[in-house]
Amino acid sequence: MVQCLVLLGDGKIVAGGDFVKGRNLPRANLARLNADGSVDPAFNASANSLVIALTVQPDGKILVGGQFTVLCGQPRNRIGRLNADGTLDGAAAPAATQ
C-alpha cells in the first residue's frame, strides 16, 4: 500500500509505502513513476520496511523517513537521503550510536 508520494521537478513521482512490486517490477517500499504512470526501471532505491514520509530538497535529493533500518542496502535508522537518481547519499550517513 502506498503511504506517501512526492512530485519531482521533472514530473516524475516517488512513491513510498509498504509494497514489494510496482507495476509488476520488484520494488521494496520505494518506486519512481514516470509522468505516464509507468515504473521507472532506472530507480532502484529500496527500504527493508515501511516508508511513511518523502520530501525533495532544493538540490533534488530525496529525504526518506519510515520504519526501515536499511535503505539501499545500507544501515539507516528510520531516516535517509537519496540522490536524485535513487542511489543512497553517503554524505548523509547517520552518526554512530553508543
PDB file of N, CA and C in Angstrom:
ATOM      1  N   MET A   1       0.830  -1.168   0.000  1.00  0.00           N
ATOM      2  CA  MET A   1       0.000   0.000   0.000  1.00  0.00           C
ATOM      3  C   MET A   1       0.887   1.249   0.000  1.00  0.00           C
ATOM      4  N   VAL A   2       0.582   2.182  -0.840  1.00  0.00           N
ATOM      5  CA  VAL A   2       1.311   3.444  -0.917  1.00  0.00           C
ATOM      6  C   VAL A   2       0.905   4.325   0.257  1.00  0.00           C
ATOM      7  N   GLN A   3       1.903   4.863   0.947  1.00  0.00           N
ATOM      8  CA  GLN A   3       1.671   5.725   2.104  1.00  0.00           C
ATOM      9  C   GLN A   3       1.983   7.198   1.813  1.00  0.00           C
ATOM     10  N   CYS A   4       2.894   7.448   0.870  1.00  0.00           N
ATOM     11  CA  CYS A   4       3.296   8.830   0.598  1.00  0.00           C
ATOM     12  C   CYS A   4       3.772   8.956  -0.844  1.00  0.00           C
ATOM     13  N   LEU A   5       3.642  10.166  -1.372  1.00  0.00           N
ATOM     14  CA  LEU A   5       4.076  10.498  -2.725  1.00  0.00           C
ATOM     15  C   LEU A   5       4.784  11.837  -2.702  1.00  0.00           C
ATOM     16  N   VAL A   6       5.734  12.019  -3.598  1.00  0.00           N
ATOM     17  CA  VAL A   6       6.354  13.326  -3.758  1.00  0.00           C
ATOM     18  C   VAL A   6       6.598  13.548  -5.251  1.00  0.00           C
ATOM     19  N   LEU A   7       6.248  14.737  -5.703  1.00  0.00           N
ATOM     20  CA  LEU A   7       6.424  15.115  -7.099  1.00  0.00           C
ATOM     21  C   LEU A   7       7.810  15.700  -7.300  1.00  0.00           C
ATOM     22  N   LEU A   8       8.523  15.182  -8.282  1.00  0.00           N
ATOM     23  CA  LEU A   8       9.858  15.673  -8.606  1.00  0.00           C
ATOM     24  C   LEU A   8       9.772  16.776  -9.648  1.00  0.00           C
ATOM     25  N   GLY A   9      10.815  17.546  -9.772  1.00  0.00           N
ATOM     26  CA  GLY A   9      10.850  18.668 -10.696  1.00  0.00           C
ATOM     27  C   GLY A   9      10.687  18.286 -12.153  1.00  0.00           C
ATOM     28  N   ASP A  10      11.014  17.039 -12.501  1.00  0.00           N
ATOM     29  CA  ASP A  10      10.903  16.585 -13.893  1.00  0.00           C
ATOM     30  C   ASP A  10       9.550  15.951 -14.202  1.00  0.00           C
ATOM     31  N   GLY A  11       8.607  16.025 -13.248  1.00  0.00           N
ATOM     32  CA  GLY A  11       7.281  15.462 -13.462  1.00  0.00           C
ATOM     33  C   GLY A  11       7.132  14.019 -13.013  1.00  0.00           C
ATOM     34  N   LYS A  12       8.236  13.399 -12.605  1.00  0.00           N
ATOM     35  CA  LYS A  12       8.149  12.039 -12.084  1.00  0.00           C
ATOM     36  C   LYS A  12       7.681  12.084 -10.635  1.00  0.00           C
ATOM     37  N   ILE A  13       7.225  10.949 -10.135  1.00  0.00           N
ATOM     38  CA  ILE A  13       6.701  10.851  -8.777  1.00  0.00           C
ATOM     39  C   ILE A  13       7.436   9.724  -8.065  1.00  0.00           C
ATOM     40  N   VAL A  14       7.856   9.982  -6.826  1.00  0.00           N
ATOM     41  CA  VAL A  14       8.402   8.924  -5.984  1.00  0.00           C
ATOM     42  C   VAL A  14       7.315   8.511  -5.010  1.00  0.00           C
ATOM     43  N   ALA A  15       7.105   7.208  -4.911  1.00  0.00           N
ATOM     44  CA  ALA A  15       6.105   6.646  -4.002  1.00  0.00           C
ATOM     45  C   ALA A  15       6.811   5.839  -2.925  1.00  0.00           C
ATOM     46  N   GLY A  16       6.304   5.954  -1.705  1.00  0.00           N
ATOM     47  CA  GLY A  16       6.814   5.168  -0.591  1.00  0.00           C
ATOM     48  C   GLY A  16       5.661   4.486   0.109  1.00  0.00           C
ATOM     49  N   GLY A  17       5.955   3.399   0.772  1.00  0.00           N
ATOM     50  CA  GLY A  17       4.902   2.704   1.495  1.00  0.00           C
ATOM     51  C   GLY A  17       5.330   1.327   1.916  1.00  0.00           C
ATOM     52  N   ASP A  18       4.404   0.391   1.795  1.00  0.00           N
ATOM     53  CA  ASP A  18       4.621  -0.995   2.157  1.00  0.00           C
ATOM     54  C   ASP A  18       4.201  -1.846   0.964  1.00  0.00           C
ATOM     55  N   PHE A  19       5.130  -2.083   0.052  1.00  0.00           N
ATOM     56  CA  PHE A  19       4.838  -2.858  -1.152  1.00  0.00           C
ATOM     57  C   PHE A  19       6.102  -3.555  -1.642  1.00  0.00           C
ATOM     58  N   VAL A  20       5.921  -4.579  -2.447  1.00  0.00           N
ATOM     59  CA  VAL A  20       7.054  -5.336  -2.976  1.00  0.00           C
ATOM     60  C   VAL A  20       7.134  -5.275  -4.500  1.00  0.00           C
ATOM     61  N   LYS A  21       6.091  -4.731  -5.127  1.00  0.00           N
ATOM     62  CA  LYS A  21       6.082  -4.600  -6.581  1.00  0.00           C
ATOM     63  C   LYS A  21       5.482  -3.265  -6.975  1.00  0.00           C
ATOM     64  N   GLY A  22       5.964  -2.751  -8.082  1.00  0.00           N
ATOM     65  CA  GLY A  22       5.389  -1.577  -8.711  1.00  0.00           C
ATOM     66  C   GLY A  22       5.124  -1.917 -10.165  1.00  0.00           C
ATOM     67  N   ARG A  23       3.876  -2.075 -10.513  1.00  0.00           N
ATOM     68  CA  ARG A  23       3.515  -2.451 -11.885  1.00  0.00           C
ATOM     69  C   ARG A  23       4.290  -3.672 -12.355  1.00  0.00           C
ATOM     70  N   ASN A  24       4.337  -4.690 -11.504  1.00  0.00           N
ATOM     71  CA  ASN A  24       4.974  -5.982 -11.776  1.00  0.00           C
ATOM     72  C   ASN A  24       6.496  -5.965 -11.809  1.00  0.00           C
ATOM     73  N   LEU A  25       7.125  -4.860 -11.438  1.00  0.00           N
ATOM     74  CA  LEU A  25       8.577  -4.834 -11.263  1.00  0.00           C
ATOM     75  C   LEU A  25       8.868  -4.920  -9.768  1.00  0.00           C
ATOM     76  N   PRO A  26       9.880  -5.696  -9.370  1.00  0.00           N
ATOM     77  CA  PRO A  26      10.208  -5.769  -7.951  1.00  0.00           C
ATOM     78  C   PRO A  26      10.620  -4.390  -7.424  1.00  0.00           C
ATOM     79  N   ARG A  27       9.947  -3.953  -6.398  1.00  0.00           N
ATOM     80  CA  ARG A  27      10.252  -2.677  -5.755  1.00  0.00           C
ATOM     81  C   ARG A  27       9.978  -2.827  -4.271  1.00  0.00           C
ATOM     82  N   ALA A  28      10.969  -2.583  -3.439  1.00  0.00           N
ATOM     83  CA  ALA A  28      10.837  -2.763  -1.994  1.00  0.00           C
ATOM     84  C   ALA A  28      10.549  -1.428  -1.318  1.00  0.00           C
ATOM     85  N   ASN A  29       9.274  -1.092  -1.236  1.00  0.00           N
ATOM     86  CA  ASN A  29       8.777   0.041  -0.457  1.00  0.00           C
ATOM     87  C   ASN A  29       9.089   1.424  -1.026  1.00  0.00           C
ATOM     88  N   LEU A  30       9.802   1.485  -2.136  1.00  0.00           N
ATOM     89  CA  LEU A  30      10.091   2.746  -2.827  1.00  0.00           C
ATOM     90  C   LEU A  30      10.032   2.508  -4.334  1.00  0.00           C
ATOM     91  N   ALA A  31       9.442   3.442  -5.054  1.00  0.00           N
ATOM     92  CA  ALA A  31       9.412   3.354  -6.520  1.00  0.00           C
ATOM     93  C   ALA A  31       9.298   4.752  -7.101  1.00  0.00           C
ATOM     94  N   ARG A  32       9.839   4.917  -8.295  1.00  0.00           N
ATOM     95  CA  ARG A  32       9.665   6.190  -9.015  1.00  0.00           C
ATOM     96  C   ARG A  32       8.825   5.905 -10.243  1.00  0.00           C
ATOM     97  N   LEU A  33       7.822   6.746 -10.436  1.00  0.00           N
ATOM     98  CA  LEU A  33       6.929   6.621 -11.579  1.00  0.00           C
ATOM     99  C   LEU A  33       7.236   7.703 -12.591  1.00  0.00           C
ATOM    100  N   ASN A  34       7.213   7.333 -13.853  1.00  0.00           N
ATOM    101  CA  ASN A  34       7.342   8.313 -14.924  1.00  0.00           C
ATOM    102  C   ASN A  34       6.047   9.104 -15.030  1.00  0.00           C
ATOM    103  N   ALA A  35       6.069  10.182 -15.765  1.00  0.00           N
ATOM    104  CA  ALA A  35       4.887  11.039 -15.910  1.00  0.00           C
ATOM    105  C   ALA A  35       3.688  10.281 -16.476  1.00  0.00           C
ATOM    106  N   ASP A  36       3.940   9.217 -17.254  1.00  0.00           N
ATOM    107  CA  ASP A  36       2.840   8.427 -17.823  1.00  0.00           C
ATOM    108  C   ASP A  36       2.329   7.339 -16.873  1.00  0.00           C
ATOM    109  N   GLY A  37       2.892   7.248 -15.662  1.00  0.00           N
ATOM    110  CA  GLY A  37       2.461   6.272 -14.667  1.00  0.00           C
ATOM    111  C   GLY A  37       3.236   4.970 -14.672  1.00  0.00           C
ATOM    112  N   SER A  38       4.117   4.795 -15.635  1.00  0.00           N
ATOM    113  CA  SER A  38       4.928   3.575 -15.664  1.00  0.00           C
ATOM    114  C   SER A  38       6.041   3.662 -14.613  1.00  0.00           C
ATOM    115  N   VAL A  39       6.481   2.508 -14.136  1.00  0.00           N
ATOM    116  CA  VAL A  39       7.563   2.465 -13.163  1.00  0.00           C
ATOM    117  C   VAL A  39       8.882   2.742 -13.866  1.00  0.00           C
ATOM    118  N   ASP A  40       9.680   3.617 -13.290  1.00  0.00           N
ATOM    119  CA  ASP A  40      10.985   3.958 -13.850  1.00  0.00           C
ATOM    120  C   ASP A  40      11.983   2.858 -13.473  1.00  0.00           C
ATOM    121  N   PRO A  41      12.426   2.041 -14.432  1.00  0.00           N
ATOM    122  CA  PRO A  41      13.328   0.936 -14.108  1.00  0.00           C
ATOM    123  C   PRO A  41      14.718   1.391 -13.676  1.00  0.00           C
ATOM    124  N   ALA A  42      15.091   2.634 -13.932  1.00  0.00           N
ATOM    125  CA  ALA A  42      16.409   3.131 -13.561  1.00  0.00           C
ATOM    126  C   ALA A  42      16.510   3.487 -12.085  1.00  0.00           C
ATOM    127  N   PHE A  43      15.385   3.600 -11.401  1.00  0.00           N
ATOM    128  CA  PHE A  43      15.347   3.989  -9.987  1.00  0.00           C
ATOM    129  C   PHE A  43      15.199   2.717  -9.157  1.00  0.00           C
ATOM    130  N   ASN A  44      16.282   2.313  -8.485  1.00  0.00           N
ATOM    131  CA  ASN A  44      16.277   1.053  -7.753  1.00  0.00           C
ATOM    132  C   ASN A  44      16.445   1.221  -6.256  1.00  0.00           C
ATOM    133  N   ALA A  45      15.993   2.329  -5.696  1.00  0.00           N
ATOM    134  CA  ALA A  45      16.063   2.529  -4.250  1.00  0.00           C
ATOM    135  C   ALA A  45      15.155   1.522  -3.560  1.00  0.00           C
ATOM    136  N   SER A  46      15.547   1.109  -2.359  1.00  0.00           N
ATOM    137  CA  SER A  46      14.732   0.166  -1.607  1.00  0.00           C
ATOM    138  C   SER A  46      14.885   0.422  -0.114  1.00  0.00           C
ATOM    139  N   ALA A  47      13.872   0.014   0.626  1.00  0.00           N
ATOM    140  CA  ALA A  47      13.893   0.081   2.084  1.00  0.00           C
ATOM    141  C   ALA A  47      13.386  -1.250   2.607  1.00  0.00           C
ATOM    142  N   ASN A  48      13.910  -1.689   3.757  1.00  0.00           N
ATOM    143  CA  ASN A  48      13.524  -3.001   4.265  1.00  0.00           C
ATOM    144  C   ASN A  48      12.232  -2.992   5.074  1.00  0.00           C
ATOM    145  N   SER A  49      11.581  -1.845   5.180  1.00  0.00           N
ATOM    146  CA  SER A  49      10.297  -1.768   5.878  1.00  0.00           C
ATOM    147  C   SER A  49       9.562  -0.523   5.405  1.00  0.00           C
ATOM    148  N   LEU A  50       8.461  -0.243   6.044  1.00  0.00           N
ATOM    149  CA  LEU A  50       7.534   0.824   5.676  1.00  0.00           C
ATOM    150  C   LEU A  50       8.196   2.201   5.506  1.00  0.00           C
ATOM    151  N   VAL A  51       7.869   2.876   4.415  1.00  0.00           N
ATOM    152  CA  VAL A  51       8.258   4.269   4.173  1.00  0.00           C
ATOM    153  C   VAL A  51       6.999   5.112   4.347  1.00  0.00           C
ATOM    154  N   ILE A  52       7.078   6.129   5.219  1.00  0.00           N
ATOM    155  CA  ILE A  52       5.892   6.941   5.505  1.00  0.00           C
ATOM    156  C   ILE A  52       6.060   8.420   5.197  1.00  0.00           C
ATOM    157  N   ALA A  53       7.281   8.837   4.828  1.00  0.00           N
ATOM    158  CA  ALA A  53       7.494  10.256   4.552  1.00  0.00           C
ATOM    159  C   ALA A  53       8.532  10.438   3.460  1.00  0.00           C
ATOM    160  N   LEU A  54       8.257  11.348   2.549  1.00  0.00           N
ATOM    161  CA  LEU A  54       9.178  11.710   1.469  1.00  0.00           C
ATOM    162  C   LEU A  54       9.126  13.212   1.268  1.00  0.00           C
ATOM    163  N   THR A  55      10.268  13.802   1.007  1.00  0.00           N
ATOM    164  CA  THR A  55      10.298  15.205   0.603  1.00  0.00           C
ATOM    165  C   THR A  55      11.510  15.415  -0.288  1.00  0.00           C
ATOM    166  N   VAL A  56      11.432  16.391  -1.158  1.00  0.00           N
ATOM    167  CA  VAL A  56      12.531  16.699  -2.071  1.00  0.00           C
ATOM    168  C   VAL A  56      13.183  18.002  -1.630  1.00  0.00           C
ATOM    169  N   GLN A  57      14.497  17.975  -1.519  1.00  0.00           N
ATOM    170  CA  GLN A  57      15.250  19.170  -1.175  1.00  0.00           C
ATOM    171  C   GLN A  57      15.470  20.018  -2.433  1.00  0.00           C
ATOM    172  N   PRO A  58      15.829  21.283  -2.262  1.00  0.00           N
ATOM    173  CA  PRO A  58      16.061  22.147  -3.424  1.00  0.00           C
ATOM    174  C   PRO A  58      17.122  21.616  -4.397  1.00  0.00           C
ATOM    175  N   ASP A  59      18.077  20.827  -3.893  1.00  0.00           N
ATOM    176  CA  ASP A  59      19.119  20.267  -4.763  1.00  0.00           C
ATOM    177  C   ASP A  59      18.678  18.983  -5.467  1.00  0.00           C
ATOM    178  N   GLY A  60      17.417  18.570  -5.268  1.00  0.00           N
ATOM    179  CA  GLY A  60      16.885  17.384  -5.918  1.00  0.00           C
ATOM    180  C   GLY A  60      17.046  16.100  -5.137  1.00  0.00           C
ATOM    181  N   LYS A  61      17.753  16.149  -4.007  1.00  0.00           N
ATOM    182  CA  LYS A  61      17.909  14.951  -3.182  1.00  0.00           C
ATOM    183  C   LYS A  61      16.603  14.680  -2.435  1.00  0.00           C
ATOM    184  N   ILE A  62      16.378  13.415  -2.142  1.00  0.00           N
ATOM    185  CA  ILE A  62      15.105  12.974  -1.579  1.00  0.00           C
ATOM    186  C   ILE A  62      15.325  12.471  -0.157  1.00  0.00           C
ATOM    187  N   LEU A  63      14.633  13.089   0.802  1.00  0.00           N
ATOM    188  CA  LEU A  63      14.665  12.616   2.182  1.00  0.00           C
ATOM    189  C   LEU A  63      13.581  11.563   2.349  1.00  0.00           C
ATOM    190  N   VAL A  64      13.947  10.475   3.016  1.00  0.00           N
ATOM    191  CA  VAL A  64      13.051   9.341   3.202  1.00  0.00           C
ATOM    192  C   VAL A  64      12.943   9.050   4.700  1.00  0.00           C
ATOM    193  N   GLY A  65      11.724   8.889   5.176  1.00  0.00           N
ATOM    194  CA  GLY A  65      11.519   8.541   6.577  1.00  0.00           C
ATOM    195  C   GLY A  65      10.550   7.383   6.698  1.00  0.00           C
ATOM    196  N   GLY A  66      10.713   6.594   7.747  1.00  0.00           N
ATOM    197  CA  GLY A  66       9.803   5.475   7.949  1.00  0.00           C
ATOM    198  C   GLY A  66      10.273   4.534   9.029  1.00  0.00           C
ATOM    199  N   GLN A  67       9.843   3.296   8.940  1.00  0.00           N
ATOM    200  CA  GLN A  67      10.164   2.286   9.943  1.00  0.00           C
ATOM    201  C   GLN A  67      11.335   1.398   9.527  1.00  0.00           C
ATOM    202  N   PHE A  68      12.019   1.740   8.470  1.00  0.00           N
ATOM    203  CA  PHE A  68      13.114   0.928   7.947  1.00  0.00           C
ATOM    204  C   PHE A  68      14.388   1.082   8.774  1.00  0.00           C
ATOM    205  N   THR A  69      15.243   0.072   8.682  1.00  0.00           N
ATOM    206  CA  THR A  69      16.576   0.122   9.289  1.00  0.00           C
ATOM    207  C   THR A  69      17.665  -0.077   8.236  1.00  0.00           C
ATOM    208  N   VAL A  70      17.237  -0.357   6.998  1.00  0.00           N
ATOM    209  CA  VAL A  70      18.162  -0.489   5.874  1.00  0.00           C
ATOM    210  C   VAL A  70      17.567   0.265   4.689  1.00  0.00           C
ATOM    211  N   LEU A  71      18.364   1.130   4.095  1.00  0.00           N
ATOM    212  CA  LEU A  71      17.961   1.895   2.915  1.00  0.00           C
ATOM    213  C   LEU A  71      19.023   1.686   1.851  1.00  0.00           C
ATOM    214  N   CYS A  72      18.617   1.190   0.698  1.00  0.00           N
ATOM    215  CA  CYS A  72      19.552   0.899  -0.403  1.00  0.00           C
ATOM    216  C   CYS A  72      20.710   0.018   0.056  1.00  0.00           C
ATOM    217  N   GLY A  73      20.397  -0.953   0.903  1.00  0.00           N
ATOM    218  CA  GLY A  73      21.397  -1.915   1.347  1.00  0.00           C
ATOM    219  C   GLY A  73      22.322  -1.449   2.453  1.00  0.00           C
ATOM    220  N   GLN A  74      22.117  -0.239   2.958  1.00  0.00           N
ATOM    221  CA  GLN A  74      22.988   0.306   3.998  1.00  0.00           C
ATOM    222  C   GLN A  74      22.178   0.609   5.261  1.00  0.00           C
ATOM    223  N   PRO A  75      22.786   0.461   6.436  1.00  0.00           N
ATOM    224  CA  PRO A  75      22.067   0.752   7.670  1.00  0.00           C
ATOM    225  C   PRO A  75      21.639   2.222   7.751  1.00  0.00           C
ATOM    226  N   ARG A  76      20.384   2.412   8.029  1.00  0.00           N
ATOM    227  CA  ARG A  76      19.833   3.750   8.251  1.00  0.00           C
ATOM    228  C   ARG A  76      18.726   3.594   9.283  1.00  0.00           C
ATOM    229  N   ASN A  77      18.743   4.414  10.303  1.00  0.00           N
ATOM    230  CA  ASN A  77      17.790   4.297  11.396  1.00  0.00           C
ATOM    231  C   ASN A  77      16.579   5.186  11.160  1.00  0.00           C
ATOM    232  N   ARG A  78      15.703   4.735  10.291  1.00  0.00           N
ATOM    233  CA  ARG A  78      14.406   5.356  10.025  1.00  0.00           C
ATOM    234  C   ARG A  78      14.453   6.676   9.249  1.00  0.00           C
ATOM    235  N   ILE A  79      15.635   7.106   8.858  1.00  0.00           N
ATOM    236  CA  ILE A  79      15.743   8.299   8.010  1.00  0.00           C
ATOM    237  C   ILE A  79      16.981   8.152   7.125  1.00  0.00           C
ATOM    238  N   GLY A  80      16.860   8.633   5.904  1.00  0.00           N
ATOM    239  CA  GLY A  80      17.992   8.587   4.990  1.00  0.00           C
ATOM    240  C   GLY A  80      17.775   9.561   3.850  1.00  0.00           C
ATOM    241  N   ARG A  81      18.800   9.722   3.035  1.00  0.00           N
ATOM    242  CA  ARG A  81      18.703  10.642   1.898  1.00  0.00           C
ATOM    243  C   ARG A  81      19.207   9.940   0.650  1.00  0.00           C
ATOM    244  N   LEU A  82      18.434  10.126  -0.415  1.00  0.00           N
ATOM    245  CA  LEU A  82      18.778   9.570  -1.715  1.00  0.00           C
ATOM    246  C   LEU A  82      19.225  10.676  -2.654  1.00  0.00           C
ATOM    247  N   ASN A  83      20.136  10.337  -3.546  1.00  0.00           N
ATOM    248  CA  ASN A  83      20.444  11.237  -4.649  1.00  0.00           C
ATOM    249  C   ASN A  83      19.258  11.215  -5.604  1.00  0.00           C
ATOM    250  N   ALA A  84      19.197  12.157  -6.495  1.00  0.00           N
ATOM    251  CA  ALA A  84      18.069  12.257  -7.428  1.00  0.00           C
ATOM    252  C   ALA A  84      17.889  10.997  -8.269  1.00  0.00           C
ATOM    253  N   ASP A  85      18.964  10.242  -8.504  1.00  0.00           N
ATOM    254  CA  ASP A  85      18.870   9.024  -9.313  1.00  0.00           C
ATOM    255  C   ASP A  85      18.452   7.791  -8.507  1.00  0.00           C
ATOM    256  N   GLY A  86      18.212   7.959  -7.199  1.00  0.00           N
ATOM    257  CA  GLY A  86      17.775   6.855  -6.348  1.00  0.00           C
ATOM    258  C   GLY A  86      18.886   6.140  -5.616  1.00  0.00           C
ATOM    259  N   THR A  87      20.129   6.527  -5.842  1.00  0.00           N
ATOM    260  CA  THR A  87      21.229   5.939  -5.088  1.00  0.00           C
ATOM    261  C   THR A  87      21.305   6.592  -3.715  1.00  0.00           C
ATOM    262  N   LEU A  88      21.864   5.881  -2.771  1.00  0.00           N
ATOM    263  CA  LEU A  88      21.988   6.397  -1.416  1.00  0.00           C
ATOM    264  C   LEU A  88      23.012   7.516  -1.362  1.00  0.00           C
ATOM    265  N   ASP A  89      22.680   8.598  -0.693  1.00  0.00           N
ATOM    266  CA  ASP A  89      23.613   9.705  -0.493  1.00  0.00           C
ATOM    267  C   ASP A  89      24.487   9.367   0.707  1.00  0.00           C
ATOM    268  N   GLY A  90      25.701   8.917   0.450  1.00  0.00           N
ATOM    269  CA  GLY A  90      26.617   8.527   1.507  1.00  0.00           C
ATOM    270  C   GLY A  90      27.049   9.677   2.392  1.00  0.00           C
ATOM    271  N   ALA A  91      26.940  10.903   1.919  1.00  0.00           N
ATOM    272  CA  ALA A  91      27.309  12.060   2.726  1.00  0.00           C
ATOM    273  C   ALA A  91      26.324  12.285   3.865  1.00  0.00           C
ATOM    274  N   ALA A  92      25.163  11.642   3.792  1.00  0.00           N
ATOM    275  CA  ALA A  92      24.147  11.805   4.832  1.00  0.00           C
ATOM    276  C   ALA A  92      24.105  10.577   5.728  1.00  0.00           C
ATOM    277  N   ALA A  93      25.264   9.968   5.956  1.00  0.00           N
ATOM    278  CA  ALA A  93      25.330   8.775   6.809  1.00  0.00           C
ATOM    279  C   ALA A  93      24.998   9.154   8.245  1.00  0.00           C
ATOM    280  N   PRO A  94      24.303   8.270   8.938  1.00  0.00           N
ATOM    281  CA  PRO A  94      23.945   8.555  10.325  1.00  0.00           C
ATOM    282  C   PRO A  94      25.156   8.546  11.234  1.00  0.00           C
ATOM    283  N   ALA A  95      25.071   9.278  12.316  1.00  0.00           N
ATOM    284  CA  ALA A  95      26.137   9.259  13.309  1.00  0.00           C
ATOM    285  C   ALA A  95      26.129   7.914  14.020  1.00  0.00           C
ATOM    286  N   ALA A  96      27.284   7.477  14.439  1.00  0.00           N
ATOM    287  CA  ALA A  96      27.374   6.207  15.165  1.00  0.00           C
ATOM    288  C   ALA A  96      26.644   6.330  16.495  1.00  0.00           C
ATOM    289  N   THR A  97      25.981   5.260  16.876  1.00  0.00           N
ATOM    290  CA  THR A  97      25.276   5.265  18.157  1.00  0.00           C
ATOM    291  C   THR A  97      26.084   4.512  19.192  1.00  0.00           C
ATOM    292  N   GLN A  98      25.915   4.876  20.414  1.00  0.00           N
ATOM    293  CA  GLN A  98      26.636   4.234  21.520  1.00  0.00           C
ATOM    294  C   GLN A  98      25.833   3.105  22.074  1.00  0.00           C
TER     295      GLN A  98
END
